[in-house]
């Protein structure tokens, strides 16, 4: 991540922490401005994004798969798909 990106992530994290401090206990379960999401859902989502910006998840290793058969139209032979 670039220095500008890290600084932006840092600022966003500070802003999120400031917002969290303003939410009282009774507000966590209230609906948010995002349809279907409670306040706690939005805060958790933003927190997860901030965490991933600083510590991205590891990519899954590529695993060689067995060749798969493609669906075939009626009357045609199956074709193998090579990885």
PDB file of N, CA and C in Angstrom:
ATOM      1  N   UNK A   1       0.850  -1.167   0.000  1.00  0.00           N
ATOM      2  CA  UNK A   1       0.000   0.000   0.000  1.00  0.00           C
ATOM      3  C   UNK A   1       0.901   1.237   0.000  1.00  0.00           C
ATOM      4  N   UNK A   2       0.486   2.244  -0.682  1.00  0.00           N
ATOM      5  CA  UNK A   2       1.272   3.477  -0.757  1.00  0.00           C
ATOM      6  C   UNK A   2       1.176   4.254   0.556  1.00  0.00           C
ATOM      7  N   UNK A   3       2.069   5.220   0.718  1.00  0.00           N
ATOM      8  CA  UNK A   3       2.011   6.069   1.928  1.00  0.00           C
ATOM      9  C   UNK A   3       0.694   6.827   1.990  1.00  0.00           C
ATOM     10  N   UNK A   4       0.244   7.313   0.838  1.00  0.00           N
ATOM     11  CA  UNK A   4      -1.038   8.035   0.804  1.00  0.00           C
ATOM     12  C   UNK A   4      -2.183   7.101   1.182  1.00  0.00           C
ATOM     13  N   UNK A   5      -2.113   5.873   0.711  1.00  0.00           N
ATOM     14  CA  UNK A   5      -3.149   4.895   1.050  1.00  0.00           C
ATOM     15  C   UNK A   5      -3.162   4.573   2.533  1.00  0.00           C
ATOM     16  N   UNK A   6      -1.973   4.401   3.111  1.00  0.00           N
ATOM     17  CA  UNK A   6      -1.881   4.141   4.554  1.00  0.00           C
ATOM     18  C   UNK A   6      -2.399   5.324   5.366  1.00  0.00           C
ATOM     19  N   UNK A   7      -2.053   6.525   4.932  1.00  0.00           N
ATOM     20  CA  UNK A   7      -2.528   7.716   5.637  1.00  0.00           C
ATOM     21  C   UNK A   7      -4.053   7.817   5.555  1.00  0.00           C
ATOM     22  N   UNK A   8      -4.593   7.511   4.397  1.00  0.00           N
ATOM     23  CA  UNK A   8      -6.043   7.539   4.224  1.00  0.00           C
ATOM     24  C   UNK A   8      -6.716   6.498   5.123  1.00  0.00           C
ATOM     25  N   UNK A   9      -6.131   5.303   5.178  1.00  0.00           N
ATOM     26  CA  UNK A   9      -6.677   4.251   6.047  1.00  0.00           C
ATOM     27  C   UNK A   9      -6.604   4.676   7.508  1.00  0.00           C
ATOM     28  N   UNK A  10      -5.510   5.328   7.896  1.00  0.00           N
ATOM     29  CA  UNK A  10      -5.353   5.796   9.270  1.00  0.00           C
ATOM     30  C   UNK A  10      -6.421   6.837   9.614  1.00  0.00           C
ATOM     31  N   UNK A  11      -6.618   7.797   8.725  1.00  0.00           N
ATOM     32  CA  UNK A  11      -7.624   8.839   8.944  1.00  0.00           C
ATOM     33  C   UNK A  11      -9.019   8.222   9.035  1.00  0.00           C
ATOM     34  N   UNK A  12      -9.312   7.291   8.149  1.00  0.00           N
ATOM     35  CA  UNK A  12     -10.627   6.636   8.167  1.00  0.00           C
ATOM     36  C   UNK A  12     -10.844   5.873   9.468  1.00  0.00           C
ATOM     37  N   UNK A  13      -9.799   5.230   9.965  1.00  0.00           N
ATOM     38  CA  UNK A  13      -9.905   4.477  11.212  1.00  0.00           C
ATOM     39  C   UNK A  13     -10.174   5.413  12.387  1.00  0.00           C
ATOM     40  N   UNK A  14      -9.497   6.548  12.418  1.00  0.00           N
ATOM     41  CA  UNK A  14      -9.726   7.539  13.480  1.00  0.00           C
ATOM     42  C   UNK A  14     -11.155   8.068  13.392  1.00  0.00           C
ATOM     43  N   UNK A  15     -11.620   8.353  12.181  1.00  0.00           N
ATOM     44  CA  UNK A  15     -12.993   8.848  12.013  1.00  0.00           C
ATOM     45  C   UNK A  15     -14.006   7.807  12.463  1.00  0.00           C
ATOM     46  N   UNK A  16     -13.767   6.543  12.114  1.00  0.00           N
ATOM     47  CA  UNK A  16     -14.680   5.474  12.522  1.00  0.00           C
ATOM     48  C   UNK A  16     -14.696   5.348  14.043  1.00  0.00           C
ATOM     49  N   UNK A  17     -13.529   5.426  14.683  1.00  0.00           N
ATOM     50  CA  UNK A  17     -13.459   5.349  16.145  1.00  0.00           C
ATOM     51  C   UNK A  17     -14.240   6.494  16.782  1.00  0.00           C
ATOM     52  N   UNK A  18     -14.147   7.686  16.208  1.00  0.00           N
ATOM     53  CA  UNK A  18     -14.907   8.840  16.722  1.00  0.00           C
ATOM     54  C   UNK A  18     -16.414   8.598  16.619  1.00  0.00           C
ATOM     55  N   UNK A  19     -16.832   8.015  15.510  1.00  0.00           N
ATOM     56  CA  UNK A  19     -18.262   7.728  15.314  1.00  0.00           C
ATOM     57  C   UNK A  19     -18.738   6.692  16.319  1.00  0.00           C
ATOM     58  N   UNK A  20     -17.951   5.642  16.512  1.00  0.00           N
ATOM     59  CA  UNK A  20     -18.327   4.569  17.442  1.00  0.00           C
ATOM     60  C   UNK A  20     -18.523   5.125  18.846  1.00  0.00           C
ATOM     61  N   UNK A  21     -17.675   6.046  19.247  1.00  0.00           N
ATOM     62  CA  UNK A  21     -17.802   6.638  20.580  1.00  0.00           C
ATOM     63  C   UNK A  21     -19.093   7.439  20.755  1.00  0.00           C
ATOM     64  N   UNK A  22     -19.682   7.873  19.659  1.00  0.00           N
ATOM     65  CA  UNK A  22     -20.911   8.666  19.723  1.00  0.00           C
ATOM     66  C   UNK A  22     -22.175   7.807  19.747  1.00  0.00           C
ATOM     67  N   UNK A  23     -22.051   6.534  19.471  1.00  0.00           N
ATOM     68  CA  UNK A  23     -23.220   5.648  19.428  1.00  0.00           C
ATOM     69  C   UNK A  23     -23.501   5.140  20.836  1.00  0.00           C
ATOM     70  N   UNK A  24     -24.701   5.430  21.358  1.00  0.00           N
ATOM     71  CA  UNK A  24     -25.008   4.937  22.704  1.00  0.00           C
ATOM     72  C   UNK A  24     -25.561   3.515  22.618  1.00  0.00           C
ATOM     73  N   UNK A  25     -25.608   2.850  23.764  1.00  0.00           N
ATOM     74  CA  UNK A  25     -25.986   1.433  23.827  1.00  0.00           C
ATOM     75  C   UNK A  25     -27.313   1.124  23.130  1.00  0.00           C
ATOM     76  N   UNK A  26     -28.277   2.012  23.248  1.00  0.00           N
ATOM     77  CA  UNK A  26     -29.601   1.742  22.682  1.00  0.00           C
ATOM     78  C   UNK A  26     -29.629   1.868  21.158  1.00  0.00           C
ATOM     79  N   UNK A  27     -28.622   2.485  20.558  1.00  0.00           N
ATOM     80  CA  UNK A  27     -28.643   2.733  19.112  1.00  0.00           C
ATOM     81  C   UNK A  27     -28.055   1.598  18.274  1.00  0.00           C
ATOM     82  N   UNK A  28     -27.275   0.696  18.872  1.00  0.00           N
ATOM     83  CA  UNK A  28     -26.595  -0.333  18.095  1.00  0.00           C
ATOM     84  C   UNK A  28     -27.541  -1.217  17.272  1.00  0.00           C
ATOM     85  N   UNK A  29     -28.692  -1.509  17.803  1.00  0.00           N
ATOM     86  CA  UNK A  29     -29.634  -2.415  17.121  1.00  0.00           C
ATOM     87  C   UNK A  29     -30.642  -1.685  16.231  1.00  0.00           C
ATOM     88  N   UNK A  30     -30.571  -0.360  16.192  1.00  0.00           N
ATOM     89  CA  UNK A  30     -31.513   0.406  15.361  1.00  0.00           C
ATOM     90  C   UNK A  30     -31.209   0.235  13.882  1.00  0.00           C
ATOM     91  N   UNK A  31     -32.229   0.395  13.022  1.00  0.00           N
ATOM     92  CA  UNK A  31     -31.973   0.348  11.581  1.00  0.00           C
ATOM     93  C   UNK A  31     -31.050   1.502  11.175  1.00  0.00           C
ATOM     94  N   UNK A  32     -30.202   1.237  10.204  1.00  0.00           N
ATOM     95  CA  UNK A  32     -29.314   2.287   9.686  1.00  0.00           C
ATOM     96  C   UNK A  32     -29.937   2.880   8.426  1.00  0.00           C
ATOM     97  N   UNK A  33     -29.220   3.771   7.784  1.00  0.00           N
ATOM     98  CA  UNK A  33     -29.687   4.339   6.512  1.00  0.00           C
ATOM     99  C   UNK A  33     -29.544   3.339   5.372  1.00  0.00           C
ATOM    100  N   UNK A  34     -28.838   2.238   5.618  1.00  0.00           N
ATOM    101  CA  UNK A  34     -28.681   1.173   4.608  1.00  0.00           C
ATOM    102  C   UNK A  34     -29.801   0.149   4.814  1.00  0.00           C
ATOM    103  N   UNK A  35     -30.702  -0.002   3.848  1.00  0.00           N
ATOM    104  CA  UNK A  35     -31.838  -0.914   4.014  1.00  0.00           C
ATOM    105  C   UNK A  35     -31.406  -2.322   4.429  1.00  0.00           C
ATOM    106  N   UNK A  36     -32.016  -2.824   5.499  1.00  0.00           N
ATOM    107  CA  UNK A  36     -31.737  -4.171   5.974  1.00  0.00           C
ATOM    108  C   UNK A  36     -30.532  -4.267   6.904  1.00  0.00           C
ATOM    109  N   UNK A  37     -29.833  -3.179   7.142  1.00  0.00           N
ATOM    110  CA  UNK A  37     -28.648  -3.185   8.001  1.00  0.00           C
ATOM    111  C   UNK A  37     -28.928  -2.380   9.263  1.00  0.00           C
ATOM    112  N   UNK A  38     -28.525  -2.948  10.398  1.00  0.00           N
ATOM    113  CA  UNK A  38     -28.588  -2.218  11.661  1.00  0.00           C
ATOM    114  C   UNK A  38     -27.321  -1.363  11.787  1.00  0.00           C
ATOM    115  N   UNK A  39     -27.316  -0.463  12.747  1.00  0.00           N
ATOM    116  CA  UNK A  39     -26.146   0.379  12.995  1.00  0.00           C
ATOM    117  C   UNK A  39     -24.931  -0.506  13.249  1.00  0.00           C
ATOM    118  N   UNK A  40     -25.086  -1.534  14.070  1.00  0.00           N
ATOM    119  CA  UNK A  40     -23.964  -2.420  14.388  1.00  0.00           C
ATOM    120  C   UNK A  40     -23.426  -3.127  13.141  1.00  0.00           C
ATOM    121  N   UNK A  41     -24.306  -3.455  12.193  1.00  0.00           N
ATOM    122  CA  UNK A  41     -23.868  -4.105  10.951  1.00  0.00           C
ATOM    123  C   UNK A  41     -22.978  -3.173  10.128  1.00  0.00           C
ATOM    124  N   UNK A  42     -23.376  -1.913  10.028  1.00  0.00           N
ATOM    125  CA  UNK A  42     -22.605  -0.937   9.246  1.00  0.00           C
ATOM    126  C   UNK A  42     -21.238  -0.711   9.894  1.00  0.00           C
ATOM    127  N   UNK A  43     -21.218  -0.539  11.210  1.00  0.00           N
ATOM    128  CA  UNK A  43     -19.955  -0.309  11.924  1.00  0.00           C
ATOM    129  C   UNK A  43     -19.039  -1.530  11.773  1.00  0.00           C
ATOM    130  N   UNK A  44     -19.584  -2.720  11.903  1.00  0.00           N
ATOM    131  CA  UNK A  44     -18.780  -3.941  11.741  1.00  0.00           C
ATOM    132  C   UNK A  44     -18.219  -4.037  10.321  1.00  0.00           C
ATOM    133  N   UNK A  45     -19.033  -3.703   9.345  1.00  0.00           N
ATOM    134  CA  UNK A  45     -18.592  -3.731   7.945  1.00  0.00           C
ATOM    135  C   UNK A  45     -17.448  -2.745   7.719  1.00  0.00           C
ATOM    136  N   UNK A  46     -17.604  -1.528   8.199  1.00  0.00           N
ATOM    137  CA  UNK A  46     -16.562  -0.514   8.037  1.00  0.00           C
ATOM    138  C   UNK A  46     -15.288  -0.908   8.787  1.00  0.00           C
ATOM    139  N   UNK A  47     -15.444  -1.497   9.956  1.00  0.00           N
ATOM    140  CA  UNK A  47     -14.282  -1.957  10.718  1.00  0.00           C
ATOM    141  C   UNK A  47     -13.537  -3.066   9.986  1.00  0.00           C
ATOM    142  N   UNK A  48     -14.270  -3.988   9.388  1.00  0.00           N
ATOM    143  CA  UNK A  48     -13.640  -5.071   8.626  1.00  0.00           C
ATOM    144  C   UNK A  48     -12.889  -4.515   7.419  1.00  0.00           C
ATOM    145  N   UNK A  49     -13.470  -3.538   6.741  1.00  0.00           N
ATOM    146  CA  UNK A  49     -12.794  -2.922   5.592  1.00  0.00           C
ATOM    147  C   UNK A  49     -11.518  -2.211   6.022  1.00  0.00           C
ATOM    148  N   UNK A  50     -11.570  -1.514   7.159  1.00  0.00           N
ATOM    149  CA  UNK A  50     -10.385  -0.820   7.663  1.00  0.00           C
ATOM    150  C   UNK A  50      -9.295  -1.830   8.012  1.00  0.00           C
ATOM    151  N   UNK A  51      -9.675  -2.930   8.619  1.00  0.00           N
ATOM    152  CA  UNK A  51      -8.705  -3.968   8.976  1.00  0.00           C
ATOM    153  C   UNK A  51      -8.062  -4.556   7.720  1.00  0.00           C
ATOM    154  N   UNK A  52      -8.865  -4.860   6.706  1.00  0.00           N
ATOM    155  CA  UNK A  52      -8.335  -5.438   5.469  1.00  0.00           C
ATOM    156  C   UNK A  52      -7.452  -4.465   4.704  1.00  0.00           C
ATOM    157  N   UNK A  53      -7.675  -3.172   4.863  1.00  0.00           N
ATOM    158  CA  UNK A  53      -6.826  -2.184   4.196  1.00  0.00           C
ATOM    159  C   UNK A  53      -5.414  -2.230   4.756  1.00  0.00           C
ATOM    160  N   UNK A  54      -5.313  -2.497   6.049  1.00  0.00           N
ATOM    161  CA  UNK A  54      -4.007  -2.530   6.707  1.00  0.00           C
ATOM    162  C   UNK A  54      -3.403  -3.931   6.665  1.00  0.00           C
ATOM    163  N   UNK A  55      -4.237  -4.943   6.789  1.00  0.00           N
ATOM    164  CA  UNK A  55      -3.768  -6.330   6.791  1.00  0.00           C
ATOM    165  C   UNK A  55      -4.630  -7.146   5.832  1.00  0.00           C
ATOM    166  N   UNK A  56      -4.322  -7.099   4.527  1.00  0.00           N
ATOM    167  CA  UNK A  56      -5.136  -7.811   3.543  1.00  0.00           C
ATOM    168  C   UNK A  56      -5.145  -9.315   3.799  1.00  0.00           C
ATOM    169  N   UNK A  57      -6.257  -9.970   3.482  1.00  0.00           N
ATOM    170  CA  UNK A  57      -6.304 -11.428   3.652  1.00  0.00           C
ATOM    171  C   UNK A  57      -5.344 -12.091   2.666  1.00  0.00           C
ATOM    172  N   UNK A  58      -4.827 -13.232   3.060  1.00  0.00           N
ATOM    173  CA  UNK A  58      -3.928 -13.976   2.174  1.00  0.00           C
ATOM    174  C   UNK A  58      -4.735 -14.596   1.045  1.00  0.00           C
ATOM    175  N   UNK A  59      -4.149 -14.585  -0.139  1.00  0.00           N
ATOM    176  CA  UNK A  59      -4.808 -15.207  -1.285  1.00  0.00           C
ATOM    177  C   UNK A  59      -4.808 -16.724  -1.087  1.00  0.00           C
ATOM    178  N   UNK A  60      -5.859 -17.366  -1.516  1.00  0.00           N
ATOM    179  CA  UNK A  60      -5.906 -18.825  -1.446  1.00  0.00           C
ATOM    180  C   UNK A  60      -4.931 -19.395  -2.463  1.00  0.00           C
ATOM    181  N   UNK A  61      -4.224 -20.441  -2.098  1.00  0.00           N
ATOM    182  CA  UNK A  61      -3.297 -21.034  -3.076  1.00  0.00           C
ATOM    183  C   UNK A  61      -4.073 -21.654  -4.235  1.00  0.00           C
ATOM    184  N   UNK A  62      -3.485 -21.598  -5.402  1.00  0.00           N
ATOM    185  CA  UNK A  62      -4.108 -22.219  -6.561  1.00  0.00           C
ATOM    186  C   UNK A  62      -3.973 -23.726  -6.435  1.00  0.00           C
ATOM    187  N   UNK A  63      -5.050 -24.424  -6.678  1.00  0.00           N
ATOM    188  CA  UNK A  63      -5.053 -25.875  -6.586  1.00  0.00           C
ATOM    189  C   UNK A  63      -5.392 -26.427  -7.962  1.00  0.00           C
ATOM    190  N   UNK A  64      -4.559 -27.343  -8.425  1.00  0.00           N
ATOM    191  CA  UNK A  64      -4.844 -27.974  -9.713  1.00  0.00           C
ATOM    192  C   UNK A  64      -6.100 -28.817  -9.565  1.00  0.00           C
ATOM    193  N   UNK A  65      -7.020 -28.620 -10.467  1.00  0.00           N
ATOM    194  CA  UNK A  65      -8.269 -29.364 -10.415  1.00  0.00           C
ATOM    195  C   UNK A  65      -8.261 -30.435 -11.492  1.00  0.00           C
ATOM    196  N   UNK A  66      -9.105 -31.416 -11.290  1.00  0.00           N
ATOM    197  CA  UNK A  66      -9.293 -32.431 -12.325  1.00  0.00           C
ATOM    198  C   UNK A  66      -9.978 -31.767 -13.510  1.00  0.00           C
ATOM    199  N   UNK A  67      -9.642 -32.163 -14.739  1.00  0.00           N
ATOM    200  CA  UNK A  67     -10.363 -31.607 -15.897  1.00  0.00           C
ATOM    201  C   UNK A  67     -11.859 -31.868 -15.729  1.00  0.00           C
ATOM    202  N   UNK A  68     -12.653 -30.885 -16.088  1.00  0.00           N
ATOM    203  CA  UNK A  68     -14.106 -31.000 -15.947  1.00  0.00           C
ATOM    204  C   UNK A  68     -14.744 -31.187 -17.318  1.00  0.00           C
ATOM    205  N   UNK A  69     -15.806 -31.937 -17.330  1.00  0.00           N
ATOM    206  CA  UNK A  69     -16.554 -32.111 -18.574  1.00  0.00           C
ATOM    207  C   UNK A  69     -17.497 -30.926 -18.734  1.00  0.00           C
ATOM    208  N   UNK A  70     -17.549 -30.371 -19.922  1.00  0.00           N
ATOM    209  CA  UNK A  70     -18.482 -29.293 -20.213  1.00  0.00           C
ATOM    210  C   UNK A  70     -19.863 -29.871 -20.438  1.00  0.00           C
ATOM    211  N   UNK A  71     -20.917 -29.137 -20.082  1.00  0.00           N
ATOM    212  CA  UNK A  71     -22.254 -29.626 -20.412  1.00  0.00           C
ATOM    213  C   UNK A  71     -22.357 -29.761 -21.925  1.00  0.00           C
ATOM    214  N   UNK A  72     -22.990 -30.787 -22.395  1.00  0.00           N
ATOM    215  CA  UNK A  72     -23.058 -30.977 -23.852  1.00  0.00           C
ATOM    216  C   UNK A  72     -24.490 -30.927 -24.341  1.00  0.00           C
ATOM    217  N   UNK A  73     -24.666 -30.291 -25.464  1.00  0.00           N
ATOM    218  CA  UNK A  73     -25.997 -30.292 -26.073  1.00  0.00           C
ATOM    219  C   UNK A  73     -26.348 -31.716 -26.508  1.00  0.00           C
ATOM    220  N   UNK A  74     -27.622 -31.989 -26.606  1.00  0.00           N
ATOM    221  CA  UNK A  74     -28.074 -33.321 -27.021  1.00  0.00           C
ATOM    222  C   UNK A  74     -27.435 -33.704 -28.355  1.00  0.00           C
ATOM    223  N   UNK A  75     -26.961 -34.935 -28.431  1.00  0.00           N
ATOM    224  CA  UNK A  75     -26.403 -35.439 -29.680  1.00  0.00           C
ATOM    225  C   UNK A  75     -24.930 -35.104 -29.890  1.00  0.00           C
ATOM    226  N   UNK A  76     -24.276 -34.418 -28.963  1.00  0.00           N
ATOM    227  CA  UNK A  76     -22.861 -34.067 -29.121  1.00  0.00           C
ATOM    228  C   UNK A  76     -22.039 -34.806 -28.083  1.00  0.00           C
ATOM    229  N   UNK A  77     -20.799 -35.103 -28.417  1.00  0.00           N
ATOM    230  CA  UNK A  77     -19.895 -35.766 -27.489  1.00  0.00           C
ATOM    231  C   UNK A  77     -19.393 -34.766 -26.452  1.00  0.00           C
ATOM    232  N   UNK A  78     -19.068 -35.257 -25.276  1.00  0.00           N
ATOM    233  CA  UNK A  78     -18.545 -34.392 -24.212  1.00  0.00           C
ATOM    234  C   UNK A  78     -17.151 -33.901 -24.567  1.00  0.00           C
ATOM    235  N   UNK A  79     -16.850 -32.700 -24.160  1.00  0.00           N
ATOM    236  CA  UNK A  79     -15.535 -32.096 -24.376  1.00  0.00           C
ATOM    237  C   UNK A  79     -14.872 -31.915 -23.027  1.00  0.00           C
ATOM    238  N   UNK A  80     -13.561 -32.210 -22.928  1.00  0.00           N
ATOM    239  CA  UNK A  80     -12.836 -32.030 -21.685  1.00  0.00           C
ATOM    240  C   UNK A  80     -12.254 -30.632 -21.619  1.00  0.00           C
ATOM    241  N   UNK A  81     -12.317 -30.051 -20.477  1.00  0.00           N
ATOM    242  CA  UNK A  81     -11.758 -28.722 -20.255  1.00  0.00           C
ATOM    243  C   UNK A  81     -10.447 -28.924 -19.502  1.00  0.00           C
ATOM    244  N   UNK A  82      -9.347 -28.479 -20.055  1.00  0.00           N
ATOM    245  CA  UNK A  82      -8.045 -28.613 -19.394  1.00  0.00           C
ATOM    246  C   UNK A  82      -7.838 -27.428 -18.463  1.00  0.00           C
ATOM    247  N   UNK A  83      -7.208 -27.686 -17.309  1.00  0.00           N
ATOM    248  CA  UNK A  83      -6.991 -26.582 -16.358  1.00  0.00           C
ATOM    249  C   UNK A  83      -6.007 -25.567 -16.878  1.00  0.00           C
TER     250      UNK A  83
END
